Amino acid sequence: MSNLNEWQIAVARVYGGGDYAHHKTLEETQEVGDGLYTFIQRELSAEEDCENAGRALLRLDTAIADL
């Protein structure tokens, strides 16, 4: 079970008006049925080398370009 990092927690707090603020693990983010939310949370995961603010912003910029 993979705990959310600070960037994922920030997304959970604001996405959907805070509907997912209670999420604590990456596994929980995969179960909600919201593909965009799940995609963003995966992009910001430690498994994607998201370890600092610069990397988080780069991952989000890349995700936006992909969309």
PDB file of N, CA and C in Angstrom:
ATOM      1  N   MET A   1       0.853  -1.179   0.000  1.00  0.00           N
ATOM      2  CA  MET A   1       0.000   0.000   0.000  1.00  0.00           C
ATOM      3  C   MET A   1       0.894   1.236   0.000  1.00  0.00           C
ATOM      4  N   SER A   2       0.632   2.139  -0.896  1.00  0.00           N
ATOM      5  CA  SER A   2       1.473   3.310  -1.090  1.00  0.00           C
ATOM      6  C   SER A   2       0.773   4.566  -0.567  1.00  0.00           C
ATOM      7  N   ASN A   3       1.349   5.177   0.469  1.00  0.00           N
ATOM      8  CA  ASN A   3       0.781   6.408   1.003  1.00  0.00           C
ATOM      9  C   ASN A   3       0.954   7.548   0.014  1.00  0.00           C
ATOM     10  N   LEU A   4       0.014   8.473   0.006  1.00  0.00           N
ATOM     11  CA  LEU A   4       0.100   9.627  -0.872  1.00  0.00           C
ATOM     12  C   LEU A   4       1.225  10.548  -0.422  1.00  0.00           C
ATOM     13  N   ASN A   5       1.903  11.147  -1.407  1.00  0.00           N
ATOM     14  CA  ASN A   5       2.920  12.142  -1.084  1.00  0.00           C
ATOM     15  C   ASN A   5       2.247  13.510  -0.955  1.00  0.00           C
ATOM     16  N   GLU A   6       3.007  14.525  -0.632  1.00  0.00           N
ATOM     17  CA  GLU A   6       2.409  15.838  -0.370  1.00  0.00           C
ATOM     18  C   GLU A   6       1.709  16.421  -1.592  1.00  0.00           C
ATOM     19  N   TRP A   7       2.178  16.108  -2.791  1.00  0.00           N
ATOM     20  CA  TRP A   7       1.562  16.634  -4.010  1.00  0.00           C
ATOM     21  C   TRP A   7       0.223  15.956  -4.268  1.00  0.00           C
ATOM     22  N   GLN A   8       0.169  14.672  -4.026  1.00  0.00           N
ATOM     23  CA  GLN A   8      -1.084  13.935  -4.193  1.00  0.00           C
ATOM     24  C   GLN A   8      -2.109  14.357  -3.138  1.00  0.00           C
ATOM     25  N   ILE A   9      -1.650  14.603  -1.935  1.00  0.00           N
ATOM     26  CA  ILE A   9      -2.551  15.067  -0.875  1.00  0.00           C
ATOM     27  C   ILE A   9      -3.156  16.410  -1.247  1.00  0.00           C
ATOM     28  N   ALA A  10      -2.333  17.295  -1.817  1.00  0.00           N
ATOM     29  CA  ALA A  10      -2.829  18.614  -2.239  1.00  0.00           C
ATOM     30  C   ALA A  10      -3.914  18.456  -3.304  1.00  0.00           C
ATOM     31  N   VAL A  11      -3.705  17.549  -4.257  1.00  0.00           N
ATOM     32  CA  VAL A  11      -4.715  17.304  -5.290  1.00  0.00           C
ATOM     33  C   VAL A  11      -5.989  16.756  -4.660  1.00  0.00           C
ATOM     34  N   ALA A  12      -5.852  15.789  -3.768  1.00  0.00           N
ATOM     35  CA  ALA A  12      -7.024  15.192  -3.121  1.00  0.00           C
ATOM     36  C   ALA A  12      -7.836  16.244  -2.365  1.00  0.00           C
ATOM     37  N   ARG A  13      -7.169  17.217  -1.791  1.00  0.00           N
ATOM     38  CA  ARG A  13      -7.860  18.259  -1.022  1.00  0.00           C
ATOM     39  C   ARG A  13      -8.692  19.193  -1.885  1.00  0.00           C
ATOM     40  N   VAL A  14      -8.253  19.438  -3.133  1.00  0.00           N
ATOM     41  CA  VAL A  14      -8.939  20.432  -3.957  1.00  0.00           C
ATOM     42  C   VAL A  14      -9.762  19.847  -5.088  1.00  0.00           C
ATOM     43  N   TYR A  15      -9.400  18.669  -5.571  1.00  0.00           N
ATOM     44  CA  TYR A  15     -10.089  18.085  -6.717  1.00  0.00           C
ATOM     45  C   TYR A  15     -11.542  17.772  -6.356  1.00  0.00           C
ATOM     46  N   GLY A  16     -12.433  18.133  -7.250  1.00  0.00           N
ATOM     47  CA  GLY A  16     -13.860  17.859  -7.029  1.00  0.00           C
ATOM     48  C   GLY A  16     -14.404  18.551  -5.798  1.00  0.00           C
ATOM     49  N   GLY A  17     -13.869  19.733  -5.494  1.00  0.00           N
ATOM     50  CA  GLY A  17     -14.340  20.467  -4.322  1.00  0.00           C
ATOM     51  C   GLY A  17     -13.980  19.794  -3.008  1.00  0.00           C
ATOM     52  N   GLY A  18     -12.937  18.972  -3.035  1.00  0.00           N
ATOM     53  CA  GLY A  18     -12.495  18.295  -1.821  1.00  0.00           C
ATOM     54  C   GLY A  18     -13.159  16.961  -1.553  1.00  0.00           C
ATOM     55  N   ASP A  19     -13.882  16.454  -2.556  1.00  0.00           N
ATOM     56  CA  ASP A  19     -14.589  15.177  -2.385  1.00  0.00           C
ATOM     57  C   ASP A  19     -13.662  14.020  -2.025  1.00  0.00           C
ATOM     58  N   TYR A  20     -12.386  14.136  -2.386  1.00  0.00           N
ATOM     59  CA  TYR A  20     -11.448  13.033  -2.165  1.00  0.00           C
ATOM     60  C   TYR A  20     -10.410  13.351  -1.081  1.00  0.00           C
ATOM     61  N   ALA A  21     -10.657  14.369  -0.303  1.00  0.00           N
ATOM     62  CA  ALA A  21      -9.697  14.798   0.712  1.00  0.00           C
ATOM     63  C   ALA A  21      -9.397  13.713   1.745  1.00  0.00           C
ATOM     64  N   HIS A  22     -10.267  12.758   1.878  1.00  0.00           N
ATOM     65  CA  HIS A  22     -10.079  11.684   2.857  1.00  0.00           C
ATOM     66  C   HIS A  22      -9.109  10.605   2.376  1.00  0.00           C
ATOM     67  N   HIS A  23      -8.717  10.643   1.114  1.00  0.00           N
ATOM     68  CA  HIS A  23      -7.820   9.607   0.584  1.00  0.00           C
ATOM     69  C   HIS A  23      -6.446   9.686   1.235  1.00  0.00           C
ATOM     70  N   LYS A  24      -5.925   8.538   1.579  1.00  0.00           N
ATOM     71  CA  LYS A  24      -4.606   8.441   2.222  1.00  0.00           C
ATOM     72  C   LYS A  24      -3.629   7.588   1.419  1.00  0.00           C
ATOM     73  N   THR A  25      -4.134   6.728   0.514  1.00  0.00           N
ATOM     74  CA  THR A  25      -3.265   5.836  -0.243  1.00  0.00           C
ATOM     75  C   THR A  25      -3.563   5.937  -1.743  1.00  0.00           C
ATOM     76  N   LEU A  26      -2.575   5.578  -2.536  1.00  0.00           N
ATOM     77  CA  LEU A  26      -2.746   5.572  -3.985  1.00  0.00           C
ATOM     78  C   LEU A  26      -3.831   4.586  -4.388  1.00  0.00           C
ATOM     79  N   GLU A  27      -3.923   3.482  -3.675  1.00  0.00           N
ATOM     80  CA  GLU A  27      -4.945   2.487  -3.973  1.00  0.00           C
ATOM     81  C   GLU A  27      -6.351   3.073  -3.851  1.00  0.00           C
ATOM     82  N   GLU A  28      -6.568   3.905  -2.854  1.00  0.00           N
ATOM     83  CA  GLU A  28      -7.881   4.547  -2.693  1.00  0.00           C
ATOM     84  C   GLU A  28      -8.210   5.437  -3.889  1.00  0.00           C
ATOM     85  N   THR A  29      -7.209   6.092  -4.444  1.00  0.00           N
ATOM     86  CA  THR A  29      -7.466   7.000  -5.569  1.00  0.00           C
ATOM     87  C   THR A  29      -7.842   6.238  -6.828  1.00  0.00           C
ATOM     88  N   GLN A  30      -7.497   4.973  -6.901  1.00  0.00           N
ATOM     89  CA  GLN A  30      -7.776   4.158  -8.080  1.00  0.00           C
ATOM     90  C   GLN A  30      -9.196   3.602  -8.073  1.00  0.00           C
ATOM     91  N   GLU A  31      -9.885   3.690  -6.956  1.00  0.00           N
ATOM     92  CA  GLU A  31     -11.189   3.041  -6.781  1.00  0.00           C
ATOM     93  C   GLU A  31     -12.390   3.965  -6.973  1.00  0.00           C
ATOM     94  N   VAL A  32     -12.161   5.238  -7.308  1.00  0.00           N
ATOM     95  CA  VAL A  32     -13.266   6.194  -7.307  1.00  0.00           C
ATOM     96  C   VAL A  32     -14.047   6.270  -8.617  1.00  0.00           C
ATOM     97  N   GLY A  33     -13.487   5.732  -9.692  1.00  0.00           N
ATOM     98  CA  GLY A  33     -14.188   5.778 -10.964  1.00  0.00           C
ATOM     99  C   GLY A  33     -14.075   7.107 -11.688  1.00  0.00           C
ATOM    100  N   ASP A  34     -13.129   7.941 -11.301  1.00  0.00           N
ATOM    101  CA  ASP A  34     -12.884   9.219 -11.963  1.00  0.00           C
ATOM    102  C   ASP A  34     -11.524   9.125 -12.642  1.00  0.00           C
ATOM    103  N   GLY A  35     -11.537   8.901 -13.943  1.00  0.00           N
ATOM    104  CA  GLY A  35     -10.311   8.661 -14.689  1.00  0.00           C
ATOM    105  C   GLY A  35      -9.311   9.798 -14.639  1.00  0.00           C
ATOM    106  N   LEU A  36      -9.782  11.026 -14.679  1.00  0.00           N
ATOM    107  CA  LEU A  36      -8.869  12.167 -14.641  1.00  0.00           C
ATOM    108  C   LEU A  36      -8.182  12.264 -13.288  1.00  0.00           C
ATOM    109  N   TYR A  37      -8.943  12.115 -12.236  1.00  0.00           N
ATOM    110  CA  TYR A  37      -8.369  12.141 -10.883  1.00  0.00           C
ATOM    111  C   TYR A  37      -7.330  11.031 -10.717  1.00  0.00           C
ATOM    112  N   THR A  38      -7.682   9.836 -11.152  1.00  0.00           N
ATOM    113  CA  THR A  38      -6.777   8.699 -11.071  1.00  0.00           C
ATOM    114  C   THR A  38      -5.502   8.965 -11.864  1.00  0.00           C
ATOM    115  N   PHE A  39      -5.648   9.505 -13.067  1.00  0.00           N
ATOM    116  CA  PHE A  39      -4.504   9.826 -13.918  1.00  0.00           C
ATOM    117  C   PHE A  39      -3.570  10.823 -13.234  1.00  0.00           C
ATOM    118  N   ILE A  40      -4.136  11.897 -12.701  1.00  0.00           N
ATOM    119  CA  ILE A  40      -3.320  12.916 -12.030  1.00  0.00           C
ATOM    120  C   ILE A  40      -2.601  12.308 -10.827  1.00  0.00           C
ATOM    121  N   GLN A  41      -3.294  11.517 -10.052  1.00  0.00           N
ATOM    122  CA  GLN A  41      -2.678  10.919  -8.865  1.00  0.00           C
ATOM    123  C   GLN A  41      -1.546   9.965  -9.250  1.00  0.00           C
ATOM    124  N   ARG A  42      -1.718   9.227 -10.318  1.00  0.00           N
ATOM    125  CA  ARG A  42      -0.623   8.341 -10.779  1.00  0.00           C
ATOM    126  C   ARG A  42       0.565   9.155 -11.258  1.00  0.00           C
ATOM    127  N   GLU A  43       0.306  10.225 -11.996  1.00  0.00           N
ATOM    128  CA  GLU A  43       1.388  11.078 -12.503  1.00  0.00           C
ATOM    129  C   GLU A  43       2.217  11.690 -11.376  1.00  0.00           C
ATOM    130  N   LEU A  44       1.578  11.956 -10.255  1.00  0.00           N
ATOM    131  CA  LEU A  44       2.265  12.592  -9.124  1.00  0.00           C
ATOM    132  C   LEU A  44       2.816  11.589  -8.119  1.00  0.00           C
ATOM    133  N   SER A  45       2.771  10.319  -8.438  1.00  0.00           N
ATOM    134  CA  SER A  45       3.204   9.294  -7.485  1.00  0.00           C
ATOM    135  C   SER A  45       4.719   9.175  -7.401  1.00  0.00           C
ATOM    136  N   ALA A  46       5.185   8.631  -6.309  1.00  0.00           N
ATOM    137  CA  ALA A  46       6.612   8.377  -6.118  1.00  0.00           C
ATOM    138  C   ALA A  46       7.125   7.420  -7.183  1.00  0.00           C
ATOM    139  N   GLU A  47       6.286   6.511  -7.647  1.00  0.00           N
ATOM    140  CA  GLU A  47       6.668   5.572  -8.692  1.00  0.00           C
ATOM    141  C   GLU A  47       7.013   6.283  -9.999  1.00  0.00           C
ATOM    142  N   GLU A  48       6.524   7.504 -10.156  1.00  0.00           N
ATOM    143  CA  GLU A  48       6.825   8.332 -11.323  1.00  0.00           C
ATOM    144  C   GLU A  48       7.924   9.350 -10.994  1.00  0.00           C
ATOM    145  N   ASP A  49       8.658   9.097  -9.917  1.00  0.00           N
ATOM    146  CA  ASP A  49       9.778   9.958  -9.490  1.00  0.00           C
ATOM    147  C   ASP A  49       9.353  11.379  -9.149  1.00  0.00           C
ATOM    148  N   CYS A  50       8.189  11.521  -8.584  1.00  0.00           N
ATOM    149  CA  CYS A  50       7.696  12.836  -8.188  1.00  0.00           C
ATOM    150  C   CYS A  50       8.109  13.082  -6.734  1.00  0.00           C
ATOM    151  N   GLU A  51       9.303  13.664  -6.560  1.00  0.00           N
ATOM    152  CA  GLU A  51       9.840  13.819  -5.207  1.00  0.00           C
ATOM    153  C   GLU A  51       9.990  15.266  -4.751  1.00  0.00           C
ATOM    154  N   ASN A  52       9.699  16.248  -5.629  1.00  0.00           N
ATOM    155  CA  ASN A  52       9.803  17.649  -5.220  1.00  0.00           C
ATOM    156  C   ASN A  52       8.855  18.510  -6.050  1.00  0.00           C
ATOM    157  N   ALA A  53       8.742  19.782  -5.683  1.00  0.00           N
ATOM    158  CA  ALA A  53       7.794  20.676  -6.345  1.00  0.00           C
ATOM    159  C   ALA A  53       8.099  20.831  -7.830  1.00  0.00           C
ATOM    160  N   GLY A  54       9.363  20.948  -8.176  1.00  0.00           N
ATOM    161  CA  GLY A  54       9.740  21.094  -9.579  1.00  0.00           C
ATOM    162  C   GLY A  54       9.315  19.900 -10.414  1.00  0.00           C
ATOM    163  N   ARG A  55       9.542  18.730  -9.875  1.00  0.00           N
ATOM    164  CA  ARG A  55       9.164  17.495 -10.575  1.00  0.00           C
ATOM    165  C   ARG A  55       7.643  17.378 -10.670  1.00  0.00           C
ATOM    166  N   ALA A  56       6.932  17.758  -9.610  1.00  0.00           N
ATOM    167  CA  ALA A  56       5.472  17.714  -9.626  1.00  0.00           C
ATOM    168  C   ALA A  56       4.921  18.634 -10.712  1.00  0.00           C
ATOM    169  N   LEU A  57       5.455  19.847 -10.807  1.00  0.00           N
ATOM    170  CA  LEU A  57       4.994  20.778 -11.836  1.00  0.00           C
ATOM    171  C   LEU A  57       5.320  20.274 -13.237  1.00  0.00           C
ATOM    172  N   LEU A  58       6.489  19.686 -13.399  1.00  0.00           N
ATOM    173  CA  LEU A  58       6.854  19.116 -14.700  1.00  0.00           C
ATOM    174  C   LEU A  58       5.898  17.997 -15.081  1.00  0.00           C
ATOM    175  N   ARG A  59       5.568  17.124 -14.123  1.00  0.00           N
ATOM    176  CA  ARG A  59       4.646  16.020 -14.388  1.00  0.00           C
ATOM    177  C   ARG A  59       3.262  16.566 -14.779  1.00  0.00           C
ATOM    178  N   LEU A  60       2.797  17.613 -14.085  1.00  0.00           N
ATOM    179  CA  LEU A  60       1.489  18.195 -14.423  1.00  0.00           C
ATOM    180  C   LEU A  60       1.523  18.868 -15.775  1.00  0.00           C
ATOM    181  N   ASP A  61       2.606  19.594 -16.089  1.00  0.00           N
ATOM    182  CA  ASP A  61       2.730  20.217 -17.406  1.00  0.00           C
ATOM    183  C   ASP A  61       2.698  19.172 -18.510  1.00  0.00           C
ATOM    184  N   THR A  62       3.380  18.064 -18.303  1.00  0.00           N
ATOM    185  CA  THR A  62       3.395  16.973 -19.275  1.00  0.00           C
ATOM    186  C   THR A  62       2.006  16.371 -19.423  1.00  0.00           C
ATOM    187  N   ALA A  63       1.315  16.196 -18.301  1.00  0.00           N
ATOM    188  CA  ALA A  63      -0.042  15.643 -18.338  1.00  0.00           C
ATOM    189  C   ALA A  63      -0.984  16.558 -19.111  1.00  0.00           C
ATOM    190  N   ILE A  64      -0.860  17.865 -18.886  1.00  0.00           N
ATOM    191  CA  ILE A  64      -1.702  18.821 -19.600  1.00  0.00           C
ATOM    192  C   ILE A  64      -1.426  18.747 -21.096  1.00  0.00           C
ATOM    193  N   ALA A  65      -0.158  18.675 -21.459  1.00  0.00           N
ATOM    194  CA  ALA A  65       0.204  18.567 -22.872  1.00  0.00           C
ATOM    195  C   ALA A  65      -0.353  17.283 -23.481  1.00  0.00           C
ATOM    196  N   ASP A  66      -0.321  16.191 -22.722  1.00  0.00           N
ATOM    197  CA  ASP A  66      -0.852  14.916 -23.199  1.00  0.00           C
ATOM    198  C   ASP A  66      -2.353  14.991 -23.421  1.00  0.00           C
ATOM    199  N   LEU A  67      -3.042  15.738 -22.579  1.00  0.00           N
ATOM    200  CA  LEU A  67      -4.486  15.862 -22.717  1.00  0.00           C
ATOM    201  C   LEU A  67      -4.827  16.716 -23.915  1.00  0.00           C
TER     202      LEU A  67
END
